Amino acid sequence: MATIPMKIKLACKYAGISESELARRIGSSSQSISKRLKTGRFTSEELCKIAAAIGCTFSFSFDFEDGTKI
């Protein structure tokens, strides 16, 4: 199972941007984003902001077999 930091790194690679560029786009420093990627602690708002900066969407939900998403 991929961790959130791994997913962010893969998304950046797919989008063709560096971690430094991601930091610039979200108004953060390279050191700060690097530290956050090491700890893996992000709020859902931060993940949505990162996704927007990369040019994609982030969804985080519990998906039930009947199609219900929470």
PDB file of N, CA and C in Angstrom:
ATOM      1  N   MET A   1       0.840  -1.181   0.000  1.00  0.00           N
ATOM      2  CA  MET A   1       0.000   0.000   0.000  1.00  0.00           C
ATOM      3  C   MET A   1       0.886   1.245   0.000  1.00  0.00           C
ATOM      4  N   ALA A   2       0.603   2.164  -0.888  1.00  0.00           N
ATOM      5  CA  ALA A   2       1.386   3.390  -0.995  1.00  0.00           C
ATOM      6  C   ALA A   2       0.990   4.368   0.105  1.00  0.00           C
ATOM      7  N   THR A   3       1.981   4.987   0.690  1.00  0.00           N
ATOM      8  CA  THR A   3       1.733   5.996   1.718  1.00  0.00           C
ATOM      9  C   THR A   3       1.409   7.329   1.040  1.00  0.00           C
ATOM     10  N   ILE A   4       0.884   8.271   1.803  1.00  0.00           N
ATOM     11  CA  ILE A   4       0.574   9.599   1.263  1.00  0.00           C
ATOM     12  C   ILE A   4       1.840  10.263   0.700  1.00  0.00           C
ATOM     13  N   PRO A   5       2.964  10.263   1.435  1.00  0.00           N
ATOM     14  CA  PRO A   5       4.165  10.864   0.839  1.00  0.00           C
ATOM     15  C   PRO A   5       4.581  10.205  -0.479  1.00  0.00           C
ATOM     16  N   MET A   6       4.462   8.896  -0.557  1.00  0.00           N
ATOM     17  CA  MET A   6       4.796   8.198  -1.798  1.00  0.00           C
ATOM     18  C   MET A   6       3.859   8.646  -2.919  1.00  0.00           C
ATOM     19  N   LYS A   7       2.576   8.783  -2.602  1.00  0.00           N
ATOM     20  CA  LYS A   7       1.603   9.208  -3.611  1.00  0.00           C
ATOM     21  C   LYS A   7       1.891  10.627  -4.080  1.00  0.00           C
ATOM     22  N   ILE A   8       2.271  11.511  -3.160  1.00  0.00           N
ATOM     23  CA  ILE A   8       2.598  12.886  -3.540  1.00  0.00           C
ATOM     24  C   ILE A   8       3.812  12.890  -4.465  1.00  0.00           C
ATOM     25  N   LYS A   9       4.826  12.123  -4.114  1.00  0.00           N
ATOM     26  CA  LYS A   9       6.033  12.061  -4.943  1.00  0.00           C
ATOM     27  C   LYS A   9       5.726  11.499  -6.328  1.00  0.00           C
ATOM     28  N   LEU A  10       4.911  10.451  -6.377  1.00  0.00           N
ATOM     29  CA  LEU A  10       4.531   9.871  -7.669  1.00  0.00           C
ATOM     30  C   LEU A  10       3.709  10.855  -8.499  1.00  0.00           C
ATOM     31  N   ALA A  11       2.801  11.565  -7.843  1.00  0.00           N
ATOM     32  CA  ALA A  11       1.976  12.546  -8.554  1.00  0.00           C
ATOM     33  C   ALA A  11       2.838  13.670  -9.116  1.00  0.00           C
ATOM     34  N   CYS A  12       3.821  14.125  -8.339  1.00  0.00           N
ATOM     35  CA  CYS A  12       4.741  15.160  -8.827  1.00  0.00           C
ATOM     36  C   CYS A  12       5.521  14.658 -10.031  1.00  0.00           C
ATOM     37  N   LYS A  13       6.023  13.444  -9.929  1.00  0.00           N
ATOM     38  CA  LYS A  13       6.779  12.867 -11.041  1.00  0.00           C
ATOM     39  C   LYS A  13       5.902  12.759 -12.282  1.00  0.00           C
ATOM     40  N   TYR A  14       4.686  12.283 -12.111  1.00  0.00           N
ATOM     41  CA  TYR A  14       3.755  12.144 -13.222  1.00  0.00           C
ATOM     42  C   TYR A  14       3.458  13.500 -13.861  1.00  0.00           C
ATOM     43  N   ALA A  15       3.320  14.536 -13.013  1.00  0.00           N
ATOM     44  CA  ALA A  15       3.017  15.884 -13.499  1.00  0.00           C
ATOM     45  C   ALA A  15       4.254  16.604 -14.022  1.00  0.00           C
ATOM     46  N   GLY A  16       5.433  16.020 -13.788  1.00  0.00           N
ATOM     47  CA  GLY A  16       6.664  16.617 -14.282  1.00  0.00           C
ATOM     48  C   GLY A  16       7.149  17.805 -13.478  1.00  0.00           C
ATOM     49  N   ILE A  17       6.841  17.819 -12.161  1.00  0.00           N
ATOM     50  CA  ILE A  17       7.327  18.913 -11.324  1.00  0.00           C
ATOM     51  C   ILE A  17       8.159  18.350 -10.168  1.00  0.00           C
ATOM     52  N   SER A  18       9.081  19.146  -9.715  1.00  0.00           N
ATOM     53  CA  SER A  18       9.938  18.743  -8.599  1.00  0.00           C
ATOM     54  C   SER A  18       9.262  19.072  -7.270  1.00  0.00           C
ATOM     55  N   GLU A  19       9.809  18.530  -6.196  1.00  0.00           N
ATOM     56  CA  GLU A  19       9.303  18.869  -4.867  1.00  0.00           C
ATOM     57  C   GLU A  19       9.496  20.355  -4.595  1.00  0.00           C
ATOM     58  N   SER A  20      10.584  20.916  -5.091  1.00  0.00           N
ATOM     59  CA  SER A  20      10.836  22.354  -4.928  1.00  0.00           C
ATOM     60  C   SER A  20       9.765  23.176  -5.628  1.00  0.00           C
ATOM     61  N   GLU A  21       9.389  22.755  -6.833  1.00  0.00           N
ATOM     62  CA  GLU A  21       8.345  23.456  -7.570  1.00  0.00           C
ATOM     63  C   GLU A  21       7.006  23.305  -6.861  1.00  0.00           C
ATOM     64  N   LEU A  22       6.734  22.135  -6.327  1.00  0.00           N
ATOM     65  CA  LEU A  22       5.503  21.936  -5.563  1.00  0.00           C
ATOM     66  C   LEU A  22       5.470  22.897  -4.381  1.00  0.00           C
ATOM     67  N   ALA A  23       6.574  22.985  -3.664  1.00  0.00           N
ATOM     68  CA  ALA A  23       6.647  23.890  -2.513  1.00  0.00           C
ATOM     69  C   ALA A  23       6.351  25.325  -2.943  1.00  0.00           C
ATOM     70  N   ARG A  24       6.955  25.761  -4.039  1.00  0.00           N
ATOM     71  CA  ARG A  24       6.724  27.114  -4.533  1.00  0.00           C
ATOM     72  C   ARG A  24       5.249  27.335  -4.859  1.00  0.00           C
ATOM     73  N   ARG A  25       4.636  26.352  -5.513  1.00  0.00           N
ATOM     74  CA  ARG A  25       3.232  26.486  -5.922  1.00  0.00           C
ATOM     75  C   ARG A  25       2.270  26.553  -4.743  1.00  0.00           C
ATOM     76  N   ILE A  26       2.627  25.918  -3.634  1.00  0.00           N
ATOM     77  CA  ILE A  26       1.722  25.955  -2.473  1.00  0.00           C
ATOM     78  C   ILE A  26       2.142  27.013  -1.455  1.00  0.00           C
ATOM     79  N   GLY A  27       3.157  27.808  -1.809  1.00  0.00           N
ATOM     80  CA  GLY A  27       3.589  28.886  -0.932  1.00  0.00           C
ATOM     81  C   GLY A  27       4.378  28.417   0.276  1.00  0.00           C
ATOM     82  N   SER A  28       5.167  27.383   0.084  1.00  0.00           N
ATOM     83  CA  SER A  28       5.956  26.805   1.166  1.00  0.00           C
ATOM     84  C   SER A  28       7.421  26.765   0.750  1.00  0.00           C
ATOM     85  N   SER A  29       8.293  26.428   1.690  1.00  0.00           N
ATOM     86  CA  SER A  29       9.711  26.291   1.360  1.00  0.00           C
ATOM     87  C   SER A  29      10.012  24.843   0.988  1.00  0.00           C
ATOM     88  N   SER A  30      11.095  24.658   0.261  1.00  0.00           N
ATOM     89  CA  SER A  30      11.525  23.301  -0.095  1.00  0.00           C
ATOM     90  C   SER A  30      11.812  22.479   1.152  1.00  0.00           C
ATOM     91  N   GLN A  31      12.423  23.120   2.152  1.00  0.00           N
ATOM     92  CA  GLN A  31      12.746  22.427   3.396  1.00  0.00           C
ATOM     93  C   GLN A  31      11.482  21.980   4.119  1.00  0.00           C
ATOM     94  N   SER A  32      10.480  22.837   4.114  1.00  0.00           N
ATOM     95  CA  SER A  32       9.226  22.516   4.793  1.00  0.00           C
ATOM     96  C   SER A  32       8.516  21.332   4.136  1.00  0.00           C
ATOM     97  N   ILE A  33       8.420  21.356   2.809  1.00  0.00           N
ATOM     98  CA  ILE A  33       7.730  20.253   2.128  1.00  0.00           C
ATOM     99  C   ILE A  33       8.520  18.968   2.280  1.00  0.00           C
ATOM    100  N   SER A  34       9.841  19.055   2.262  1.00  0.00           N
ATOM    101  CA  SER A  34      10.677  17.873   2.449  1.00  0.00           C
ATOM    102  C   SER A  34      10.437  17.265   3.829  1.00  0.00           C
ATOM    103  N   LYS A  35      10.382  18.110   4.846  1.00  0.00           N
ATOM    104  CA  LYS A  35      10.131  17.642   6.209  1.00  0.00           C
ATOM    105  C   LYS A  35       8.744  17.003   6.319  1.00  0.00           C
ATOM    106  N   ARG A  36       7.752  17.635   5.698  1.00  0.00           N
ATOM    107  CA  ARG A  36       6.383  17.103   5.749  1.00  0.00           C
ATOM    108  C   ARG A  36       6.287  15.759   5.043  1.00  0.00           C
ATOM    109  N   LEU A  37       7.025  15.616   3.945  1.00  0.00           N
ATOM    110  CA  LEU A  37       7.020  14.340   3.234  1.00  0.00           C
ATOM    111  C   LEU A  37       7.673  13.245   4.069  1.00  0.00           C
ATOM    112  N   LYS A  38       8.621  13.607   4.910  1.00  0.00           N
ATOM    113  CA  LYS A  38       9.255  12.620   5.790  1.00  0.00           C
ATOM    114  C   LYS A  38       8.320  12.194   6.920  1.00  0.00           C
ATOM    115  N   THR A  39       7.563  13.156   7.477  1.00  0.00           N
ATOM    116  CA  THR A  39       6.661  12.817   8.581  1.00  0.00           C
ATOM    117  C   THR A  39       5.362  12.206   8.071  1.00  0.00           C
ATOM    118  N   GLY A  40       4.947  12.612   6.863  1.00  0.00           N
ATOM    119  CA  GLY A  40       3.712  12.083   6.295  1.00  0.00           C
ATOM    120  C   GLY A  40       2.449  12.664   6.894  1.00  0.00           C
ATOM    121  N   ARG A  41       2.585  13.755   7.616  1.00  0.00           N
ATOM    122  CA  ARG A  41       1.414  14.354   8.267  1.00  0.00           C
ATOM    123  C   ARG A  41       0.884  15.526   7.449  1.00  0.00           C
ATOM    124  N   PHE A  42      -0.300  15.315   6.898  1.00  0.00           N
ATOM    125  CA  PHE A  42      -0.967  16.329   6.088  1.00  0.00           C
ATOM    126  C   PHE A  42      -2.441  16.355   6.454  1.00  0.00           C
ATOM    127  N   THR A  43      -3.027  17.534   6.456  1.00  0.00           N
ATOM    128  CA  THR A  43      -4.474  17.637   6.649  1.00  0.00           C
ATOM    129  C   THR A  43      -5.145  17.395   5.300  1.00  0.00           C
ATOM    130  N   SER A  44      -6.428  17.135   5.323  1.00  0.00           N
ATOM    131  CA  SER A  44      -7.143  16.939   4.060  1.00  0.00           C
ATOM    132  C   SER A  44      -7.125  18.225   3.238  1.00  0.00           C
ATOM    133  N   GLU A  45      -7.162  19.385   3.900  1.00  0.00           N
ATOM    134  CA  GLU A  45      -7.088  20.654   3.182  1.00  0.00           C
ATOM    135  C   GLU A  45      -5.742  20.806   2.482  1.00  0.00           C
ATOM    136  N   GLU A  46      -4.670  20.417   3.159  1.00  0.00           N
ATOM    137  CA  GLU A  46      -3.339  20.494   2.560  1.00  0.00           C
ATOM    138  C   GLU A  46      -3.230  19.567   1.355  1.00  0.00           C
ATOM    139  N   LEU A  47      -3.800  18.389   1.462  1.00  0.00           N
ATOM    140  CA  LEU A  47      -3.751  17.443   0.348  1.00  0.00           C
ATOM    141  C   LEU A  47      -4.519  17.973  -0.861  1.00  0.00           C
ATOM    142  N   CYS A  48      -5.629  18.629  -0.619  1.00  0.00           N
ATOM    143  CA  CYS A  48      -6.396  19.227  -1.717  1.00  0.00           C
ATOM    144  C   CYS A  48      -5.615  20.379  -2.345  1.00  0.00           C
ATOM    145  N   LYS A  49      -4.916  21.167  -1.526  1.00  0.00           N
ATOM    146  CA  LYS A  49      -4.098  22.275  -2.019  1.00  0.00           C
ATOM    147  C   LYS A  49      -2.934  21.736  -2.852  1.00  0.00           C
ATOM    148  N   ILE A  50      -2.314  20.662  -2.385  1.00  0.00           N
ATOM    149  CA  ILE A  50      -1.230  20.027  -3.127  1.00  0.00           C
ATOM    150  C   ILE A  50      -1.742  19.506  -4.462  1.00  0.00           C
ATOM    151  N   ALA A  51      -2.885  18.850  -4.432  1.00  0.00           N
ATOM    152  CA  ALA A  51      -3.462  18.320  -5.669  1.00  0.00           C
ATOM    153  C   ALA A  51      -3.730  19.436  -6.668  1.00  0.00           C
ATOM    154  N   ALA A  52      -4.296  20.535  -6.209  1.00  0.00           N
ATOM    155  CA  ALA A  52      -4.574  21.663  -7.101  1.00  0.00           C
ATOM    156  C   ALA A  52      -3.277  22.211  -7.696  1.00  0.00           C
ATOM    157  N   ALA A  53      -2.227  22.270  -6.886  1.00  0.00           N
ATOM    158  CA  ALA A  53      -0.933  22.764  -7.358  1.00  0.00           C
ATOM    159  C   ALA A  53      -0.318  21.837  -8.396  1.00  0.00           C
ATOM    160  N   ILE A  54      -0.612  20.550  -8.274  1.00  0.00           N
ATOM    161  CA  ILE A  54      -0.076  19.561  -9.219  1.00  0.00           C
ATOM    162  C   ILE A  54      -0.933  19.508 -10.488  1.00  0.00           C
ATOM    163  N   GLY A  55      -2.203  19.891 -10.351  1.00  0.00           N
ATOM    164  CA  GLY A  55      -3.108  19.867 -11.496  1.00  0.00           C
ATOM    165  C   GLY A  55      -3.989  18.647 -11.535  1.00  0.00           C
ATOM    166  N   CYS A  56      -4.381  18.180 -10.345  1.00  0.00           N
ATOM    167  CA  CYS A  56      -5.259  17.019 -10.259  1.00  0.00           C
ATOM    168  C   CYS A  56      -6.207  17.218  -9.076  1.00  0.00           C
ATOM    169  N   THR A  57      -6.955  16.208  -8.730  1.00  0.00           N
ATOM    170  CA  THR A  57      -7.827  16.264  -7.560  1.00  0.00           C
ATOM    171  C   THR A  57      -7.393  15.185  -6.581  1.00  0.00           C
ATOM    172  N   PHE A  58      -7.739  15.389  -5.332  1.00  0.00           N
ATOM    173  CA  PHE A  58      -7.457  14.399  -4.299  1.00  0.00           C
ATOM    174  C   PHE A  58      -8.777  14.008  -3.679  1.00  0.00           C
ATOM    175  N   SER A  59      -9.024  12.717  -3.594  1.00  0.00           N
ATOM    176  CA  SER A  59     -10.245  12.254  -2.931  1.00  0.00           C
ATOM    177  C   SER A  59      -9.861  11.320  -1.801  1.00  0.00           C
ATOM    178  N   PHE A  60     -10.534  11.478  -0.719  1.00  0.00           N
ATOM    179  CA  PHE A  60     -10.254  10.699   0.481  1.00  0.00           C
ATOM    180  C   PHE A  60     -11.600  10.311   1.066  1.00  0.00           C
ATOM    181  N   SER A  61     -11.970   9.041   0.948  1.00  0.00           N
ATOM    182  CA  SER A  61     -13.283   8.631   1.419  1.00  0.00           C
ATOM    183  C   SER A  61     -13.290   7.160   1.818  1.00  0.00           C
ATOM    184  N   PHE A  62     -14.326   6.819   2.546  1.00  0.00           N
ATOM    185  CA  PHE A  62     -14.608   5.424   2.849  1.00  0.00           C
ATOM    186  C   PHE A  62     -15.635   4.975   1.827  1.00  0.00           C
ATOM    187  N   ASP A  63     -15.297   3.979   1.031  1.00  0.00           N
ATOM    188  CA  ASP A  63     -16.187   3.512  -0.034  1.00  0.00           C
ATOM    189  C   ASP A  63     -16.804   2.172   0.359  1.00  0.00           C
ATOM    190  N   PHE A  64     -18.129   2.156   0.453  1.00  0.00           N
ATOM    191  CA  PHE A  64     -18.840   0.933   0.809  1.00  0.00           C
ATOM    192  C   PHE A  64     -19.261   0.173  -0.441  1.00  0.00           C
ATOM    193  N   GLU A  65     -19.485  -1.127  -0.290  1.00  0.00           N
ATOM    194  CA  GLU A  65     -19.846  -1.988  -1.417  1.00  0.00           C
ATOM    195  C   GLU A  65     -21.116  -1.533  -2.126  1.00  0.00           C
ATOM    196  N   ASP A  66     -22.019  -0.877  -1.409  1.00  0.00           N
ATOM    197  CA  ASP A  66     -23.269  -0.427  -2.033  1.00  0.00           C
ATOM    198  C   ASP A  66     -23.098   0.894  -2.784  1.00  0.00           C
ATOM    199  N   GLY A  67     -21.855   1.403  -2.866  1.00  0.00           N
ATOM    200  CA  GLY A  67     -21.582   2.636  -3.579  1.00  0.00           C
ATOM    201  C   GLY A  67     -21.545   3.873  -2.705  1.00  0.00           C
ATOM    202  N   THR A  68     -21.896   3.722  -1.435  1.00  0.00           N
ATOM    203  CA  THR A  68     -21.872   4.840  -0.501  1.00  0.00           C
ATOM    204  C   THR A  68     -20.445   5.283  -0.235  1.00  0.00           C
ATOM    205  N   LYS A  69     -20.220   6.586  -0.267  1.00  0.00           N
ATOM    206  CA  LYS A  69     -18.914   7.158   0.055  1.00  0.00           C
ATOM    207  C   LYS A  69     -19.076   8.134   1.207  1.00  0.00           C
ATOM    208  N   ILE A  70     -18.217   7.961   2.180  1.00  0.00           N
ATOM    209  CA  ILE A  70     -18.255   8.856   3.345  1.00  0.00           C
ATOM    210  C   ILE A  70     -16.877   9.489   3.490  1.00  0.00           C
TER     211      ILE A  70
END
